[in-house]
C-alpha atoms as a PDB file:
ATOM      1  CA  MET A   1      89.933  79.613  83.374  1.00  0.00           C
ATOM      2  CA  GLN A   2      91.664  81.874  85.480  1.00  0.00           C
ATOM      3  CA  MET A   3      90.190  85.158  86.671  1.00  0.00           C
ATOM      4  CA  ASP A   4      91.987  88.443  87.097  1.00  0.00           C
ATOM      5  CA  PHE A   5      91.101  90.507  90.544  1.00  0.00           C
ATOM      6  CA  ALA A   6      93.537  93.139  89.556  1.00  0.00           C
ATOM      7  CA  LYS A   7      90.522  95.491  89.168  1.00  0.00           C
ATOM      8  CA  GLU A   8      88.581  94.083  92.120  1.00  0.00           C
ATOM      9  CA  ILE A   9      91.970  94.238  94.092  1.00  0.00           C
ATOM     10  CA  THR A  10      91.888  98.102  92.957  1.00  0.00           C
ATOM     11  CA  VAL A  11      88.628  98.933  94.560  1.00  0.00           C
ATOM     12  CA  LEU A  12      88.712  97.294  97.774  1.00  0.00           C
ATOM     13  CA  ARG A  13      92.766  99.013  98.489  1.00  0.00           C
ATOM     14  CA  PHE A  14      89.776 102.316  97.682  1.00  0.00           C
ATOM     15  CA  MET A  15      87.385 101.036 100.187  1.00  0.00           C
ATOM     16  CA  GLN A  16      89.819 100.130 102.558  1.00  0.00           C
ATOM     17  CA  GLY A  17      91.224 103.613 102.593  1.00  0.00           C
ATOM     18  CA  TYR A  18      87.629 105.515 102.720  1.00  0.00           C
ATOM     19  CA  GLY A  19      87.233 103.354 105.740  1.00  0.00           C
ATOM     20  CA  ASP A  20      90.047 104.400 107.415  1.00  0.00           C
ATOM     21  CA  ASP A  21      88.693 107.732 106.770  1.00  0.00           C
ATOM     22  CA  LEU A  22      85.288 107.005 107.857  1.00  0.00           C
ATOM     23  CA  VAL A  23      86.286 105.963 111.657  1.00  0.00           C
ATOM     24  CA  ALA A  24      89.674 108.371 111.702  1.00  0.00           C
ATOM     25  CA  ASP A  25      87.495 110.851 113.708  1.00  0.00           C
ATOM     26  CA  ILE A  26      85.629 108.177 116.053  1.00  0.00           C
ATOM     27  CA  GLU A  27      86.912 108.290 119.685  1.00  0.00           C
ATOM     28  CA  PRO A  28      87.681 104.940 120.837  1.00  0.00           C
ATOM     29  CA  GLN A  29      85.101 105.104 123.823  1.00  0.00           C
ATOM     30  CA  ASP A  30      82.282 105.562 120.329  1.00  0.00           C
ATOM     31  CA  MET A  31      83.238 102.820 118.445  1.00  0.00           C
ATOM     32  CA  CYS A  32      80.327 100.980 120.157  1.00  0.00           C
ATOM     33  CA  LYS A  33      77.570 103.986 120.158  1.00  0.00           C
ATOM     34  CA  GLN A  34      74.452 102.900 118.639  1.00  0.00           C
ATOM     35  CA  PRO A  35      72.573 106.025 117.480  1.00  0.00           C
ATOM     36  CA  VAL A  36      69.884 104.267 116.314  1.00  0.00           C
ATOM     37  CA  VAL A  37      68.703 100.975 118.264  1.00  0.00           C
ATOM     38  CA  GLY A  38      70.139  97.311 116.403  1.00  0.00           C
ATOM     39  CA  MET A  39      72.042  99.936 114.375  1.00  0.00           C
ATOM     40  CA  ASN A  40      76.005  97.713 113.496  1.00  0.00           C
ATOM     41  CA  HIS A  41      78.234 100.347 114.991  1.00  0.00           C
ATOM     42  CA  PRO A  42      81.774 100.769 113.988  1.00  0.00           C
ATOM     43  CA  ALA A  43      83.358  97.892 115.973  1.00  0.00           C
ATOM     44  CA  TRP A  44      81.546  95.474 114.997  1.00  0.00           C
ATOM     45  CA  ILE A  45      81.911  96.477 111.082  1.00  0.00           C
ATOM     46  CA  LEU A  46      85.339  96.402 111.387  1.00  0.00           C
ATOM     47  CA  GLY A  47      85.375  93.318 113.104  1.00  0.00           C
ATOM     48  CA  HIS A  48      82.996  91.860 110.569  1.00  0.00           C
ATOM     49  CA  LEU A  49      84.906  93.359 107.327  1.00  0.00           C
ATOM     50  CA  ALA A  50      88.228  91.499 108.747  1.00  0.00           C
ATOM     51  CA  MET A  51      86.433  88.205 109.925  1.00  0.00           C
ATOM     52  CA  ALA A  52      84.447  88.017 106.719  1.00  0.00           C
ATOM     53  CA  VAL A  53      87.779  88.224 104.283  1.00  0.00           C
ATOM     54  CA  ASP A  54      89.375  86.050 106.575  1.00  0.00           C
ATOM     55  CA  SER A  55      87.248  83.188 106.446  1.00  0.00           C
ATOM     56  CA  HIS A  56      86.495  84.028 102.386  1.00  0.00           C
ATOM     57  CA  ALA A  57      89.813  83.503 102.101  1.00  0.00           C
ATOM     58  CA  GLU A  58      89.984  79.303 103.061  1.00  0.00           C
ATOM     59  CA  SER A  59      87.977  78.761  99.932  1.00  0.00           C
ATOM     60  CA  VAL A  60      91.261  80.381  98.057  1.00  0.00           C
ATOM     61  CA  GLY A  61      93.632  78.085  99.340  1.00  0.00           C
ATOM     62  CA  GLY A  62      94.338  80.970 101.943  1.00  0.00           C
ATOM     63  CA  THR A  63      94.517  80.093 105.894  1.00  0.00           C
ATOM     64  CA  PRO A  64      91.997  81.633 108.141  1.00  0.00           C
ATOM     65  CA  GLN A  65      93.756  83.137 111.539  1.00  0.00           C
ATOM     66  CA  LEU A  66      90.365  84.367 112.631  1.00  0.00           C
ATOM     67  CA  ILE A  67      88.660  81.898 113.218  1.00  0.00           C
ATOM     68  CA  ASP A  68      87.745  83.314 117.564  1.00  0.00           C
ATOM     69  CA  TRP A  69      85.776  85.991 115.952  1.00  0.00           C
ATOM     70  CA  ARG A  70      83.287  84.596 114.038  1.00  0.00           C
ATOM     71  CA  ASP A  71      81.407  83.859 117.205  1.00  0.00           C
ATOM     72  CA  ARG A  72      81.315  87.513 117.472  1.00  0.00           C
ATOM     73  CA  PHE A  73      81.399  89.762 114.408  1.00  0.00           C
ATOM     74  CA  GLY A  74      79.381  86.256 112.265  1.00  0.00           C
ATOM     75  CA  PHE A  75      76.592  86.557 110.247  1.00  0.00           C
ATOM     76  CA  GLY A  76      73.679  87.163 112.523  1.00  0.00           C
ATOM     77  CA  THR A  77      75.499  87.906 115.387  1.00  0.00           C
ATOM     78  CA  THR A  78      73.912  90.208 118.258  1.00  0.00           C
ATOM     79  CA  LEU A  79      75.785  93.451 119.144  1.00  0.00           C
ATOM     80  CA  THR A  80      76.654  94.862 122.150  1.00  0.00           C
ATOM     81  CA  THR A  81      77.590  98.806 122.945  1.00  0.00           C
ATOM     82  CA  ASP A  82      79.973  97.687 126.012  1.00  0.00           C
ATOM     83  CA  PRO A  83      83.436  98.506 123.788  1.00  0.00           C
ATOM     84  CA  ALA A  84      84.971  95.864 126.384  1.00  0.00           C
ATOM     85  CA  ASP A  85      82.935  92.950 124.146  1.00  0.00           C
ATOM     86  CA  TYR A  86      85.303  94.530 121.448  1.00  0.00           C
ATOM     87  CA  PRO A  87      88.809  94.745 120.059  1.00  0.00           C
ATOM     88  CA  ALA A  88      90.517  98.423 120.740  1.00  0.00           C
ATOM     89  CA  LYS A  89      89.873 100.680 118.001  1.00  0.00           C
ATOM     90  CA  SER A  90      93.605 100.168 116.585  1.00  0.00           C
ATOM     91  CA  GLU A  91      93.267  96.447 116.759  1.00  0.00           C
ATOM     92  CA  LEU A  92      90.222  96.458 114.473  1.00  0.00           C
ATOM     93  CA  ILE A  93      91.867  98.496 111.606  1.00  0.00           C
ATOM     94  CA  GLU A  94      95.048  96.825 112.478  1.00  0.00           C
ATOM     95  CA  THR A  95      93.528  93.666 111.726  1.00  0.00           C
ATOM     96  CA  TRP A  96      91.322  94.415 109.151  1.00  0.00           C
ATOM     97  CA  HIS A  97      93.871  95.560 106.873  1.00  0.00           C
ATOM     98  CA  ALA A  98      95.810  92.602 107.341  1.00  0.00           C
ATOM     99  CA  ALA A  99      93.001  90.370 106.941  1.00  0.00           C
ATOM    100  CA  ASN A 100      92.715  92.460 103.347  1.00  0.00           C
ATOM    101  CA  ASP A 101      96.842  91.761 102.966  1.00  0.00           C
ATOM    102  CA  ARG A 102      95.861  87.829 103.029  1.00  0.00           C
ATOM    103  CA  PHE A 103      93.143  87.650 101.175  1.00  0.00           C
ATOM    104  CA  ILE A 104      94.336  89.291  98.323  1.00  0.00           C
ATOM    105  CA  ALA A 105      97.889  87.181  98.366  1.00  0.00           C
ATOM    106  CA  ALA A 106      95.003  84.154  98.455  1.00  0.00           C
ATOM    107  CA  VAL A 107      93.346  85.176  95.530  1.00  0.00           C
ATOM    108  CA  SER A 108      96.125  86.387  93.740  1.00  0.00           C
ATOM    109  CA  SER A 109      97.359  82.624  94.170  1.00  0.00           C
ATOM    110  CA  ALA A 110      94.344  81.298  93.372  1.00  0.00           C
ATOM    111  CA  SER A 111      93.514  77.587  91.242  1.00  0.00           C
ATOM    112  CA  PRO A 112      91.336  77.942  88.391  1.00  0.00           C
ATOM    113  CA  GLU A 113      89.826  75.153  90.032  1.00  0.00           C
ATOM    114  CA  ASP A 114      89.451  76.709  93.115  1.00  0.00           C
ATOM    115  CA  LEU A 115      87.754  79.839  91.612  1.00  0.00           C
ATOM    116  CA  SER A 116      85.372  76.830  89.775  1.00  0.00           C
ATOM    117  CA  LYS A 117      83.925  75.331  92.382  1.00  0.00           C
ATOM    118  CA  PRO A 118      80.271  75.958  93.792  1.00  0.00           C
ATOM    119  CA  THR A 119      80.053  78.539  96.377  1.00  0.00           C
ATOM    120  CA  LEU A 120      78.371  77.267  99.377  1.00  0.00           C
ATOM    121  CA  GLY A 121      75.514  78.874 101.795  1.00  0.00           C
ATOM    122  CA  PRO A 122      72.798  81.531 101.098  1.00  0.00           C
ATOM    123  CA  ALA A 123      75.471  82.911  98.719  1.00  0.00           C
ATOM    124  CA  ALA A 124      75.425  80.286  96.178  1.00  0.00           C
ATOM    125  CA  LEU A 125      71.882  81.483  94.864  1.00  0.00           C
ATOM    126  CA  GLY A 126      73.214  84.713  93.175  1.00  0.00           C
ATOM    127  CA  LEU A 127      76.721  84.119  93.095  1.00  0.00           C
ATOM    128  CA  PRO A 128      77.363  80.415  92.115  1.00  0.00           C
ATOM    129  CA  THR A 129      81.091  80.064  91.586  1.00  0.00           C
ATOM    130  CA  VAL A 130      84.034  80.584  94.540  1.00  0.00           C
ATOM    131  CA  GLY A 131      84.854  83.246  91.714  1.00  0.00           C
ATOM    132  CA  ASP A 132      81.511  84.978  91.621  1.00  0.00           C
ATOM    133  CA  TYR A 133      81.559  85.199  95.621  1.00  0.00           C
ATOM    134  CA  THR A 134      85.692  86.479  95.415  1.00  0.00           C
ATOM    135  CA  SER A 135      84.278  89.135  93.487  1.00  0.00           C
ATOM    136  CA  PHE A 136      81.950  89.938  95.664  1.00  0.00           C
ATOM    137  CA  SER A 137      83.600  90.096  98.360  1.00  0.00           C
ATOM    138  CA  LEU A 138      86.674  92.119  96.962  1.00  0.00           C
ATOM    139  CA  THR A 139      84.178  94.706  96.495  1.00  0.00           C
ATOM    140  CA  ALA A 140      80.271  94.615  97.277  1.00  0.00           C
ATOM    141  CA  HIS A 141      80.381  93.113 100.689  1.00  0.00           C
ATOM    142  CA  THR A 142      82.991  96.247 101.849  1.00  0.00           C
ATOM    143  CA  ALA A 143      81.110  98.565 100.013  1.00  0.00           C
ATOM    144  CA  LEU A 144      77.747  97.437 101.775  1.00  0.00           C
ATOM    145  CA  HIS A 145      78.844  97.329 105.207  1.00  0.00           C
ATOM    146  CA  LEU A 146      81.012 101.163 104.541  1.00  0.00           C
ATOM    147  CA  GLY A 147      77.727 102.409 103.550  1.00  0.00           C
ATOM    148  CA  GLN A 148      76.497 101.415 106.730  1.00  0.00           C
ATOM    149  CA  LEU A 149      79.157 102.899 108.782  1.00  0.00           C
ATOM    150  CA  SER A 150      78.710 106.141 106.530  1.00  0.00           C
ATOM    151  CA  ALA A 151      74.763 105.932 107.343  1.00  0.00           C
ATOM    152  CA  TRP A 152      76.057 105.922 111.635  1.00  0.00           C
ATOM    153  CA  ARG A 153      77.824 108.033 111.079  1.00  0.00           C
ATOM    154  CA  ARG A 154      75.037 110.577 110.205  1.00  0.00           C
ATOM    155  CA  ALA A 155      72.632 109.279 112.496  1.00  0.00           C
ATOM    156  CA  ASP A 156      75.685 109.936 115.229  1.00  0.00           C
ATOM    157  CA  GLY A 157      75.451 113.975 114.153  1.00  0.00           C
ATOM    158  CA  ARG A 158      78.680 113.758 111.788  1.00  0.00           C
ATOM    159  CA  PRO A 159      79.445 114.757 108.346  1.00  0.00           C
ATOM    160  CA  PRO A 160      78.849 112.666 105.404  1.00  0.00           C
ATOM    161  CA  LEU A 161      82.748 112.120 103.502  1.00  0.00           C
ATOM    162  CA  PHE A 162      81.719 111.126 100.279  1.00  0.00           C
END
């Protein structure tokens, strides 16, 4: 069974543009602000999105390049408000874009065997195959975290964009 992810890739590219718009007016020194205690801030969100697609690319035949980002941006990591703990805004954006490009390349050449493998971890409960999880990673995961970024903007007194 070959899966075509063209629509999901279009959604990811759209969401990437939306994410760029969401952070365009955020000054680099504000990337780690938490207007609400415990809220994911822009630096963590962008780093997490990059790390997540980079990690998922491995399940579809890609080679992860952001392994050292997992301790800072993985699920359940502790955020800080110190900008020195995170890459610069420009690096976060560039790394997220590059990780999306690598993920799309890996997904586009994934074998039917890779896509039919079982999903590992908690996501397996609702997304039983790597193909199912790939659809989620290309669309809903990014949308979920960009929703957090949109909420961060509102909590920080910024206007909505969409």
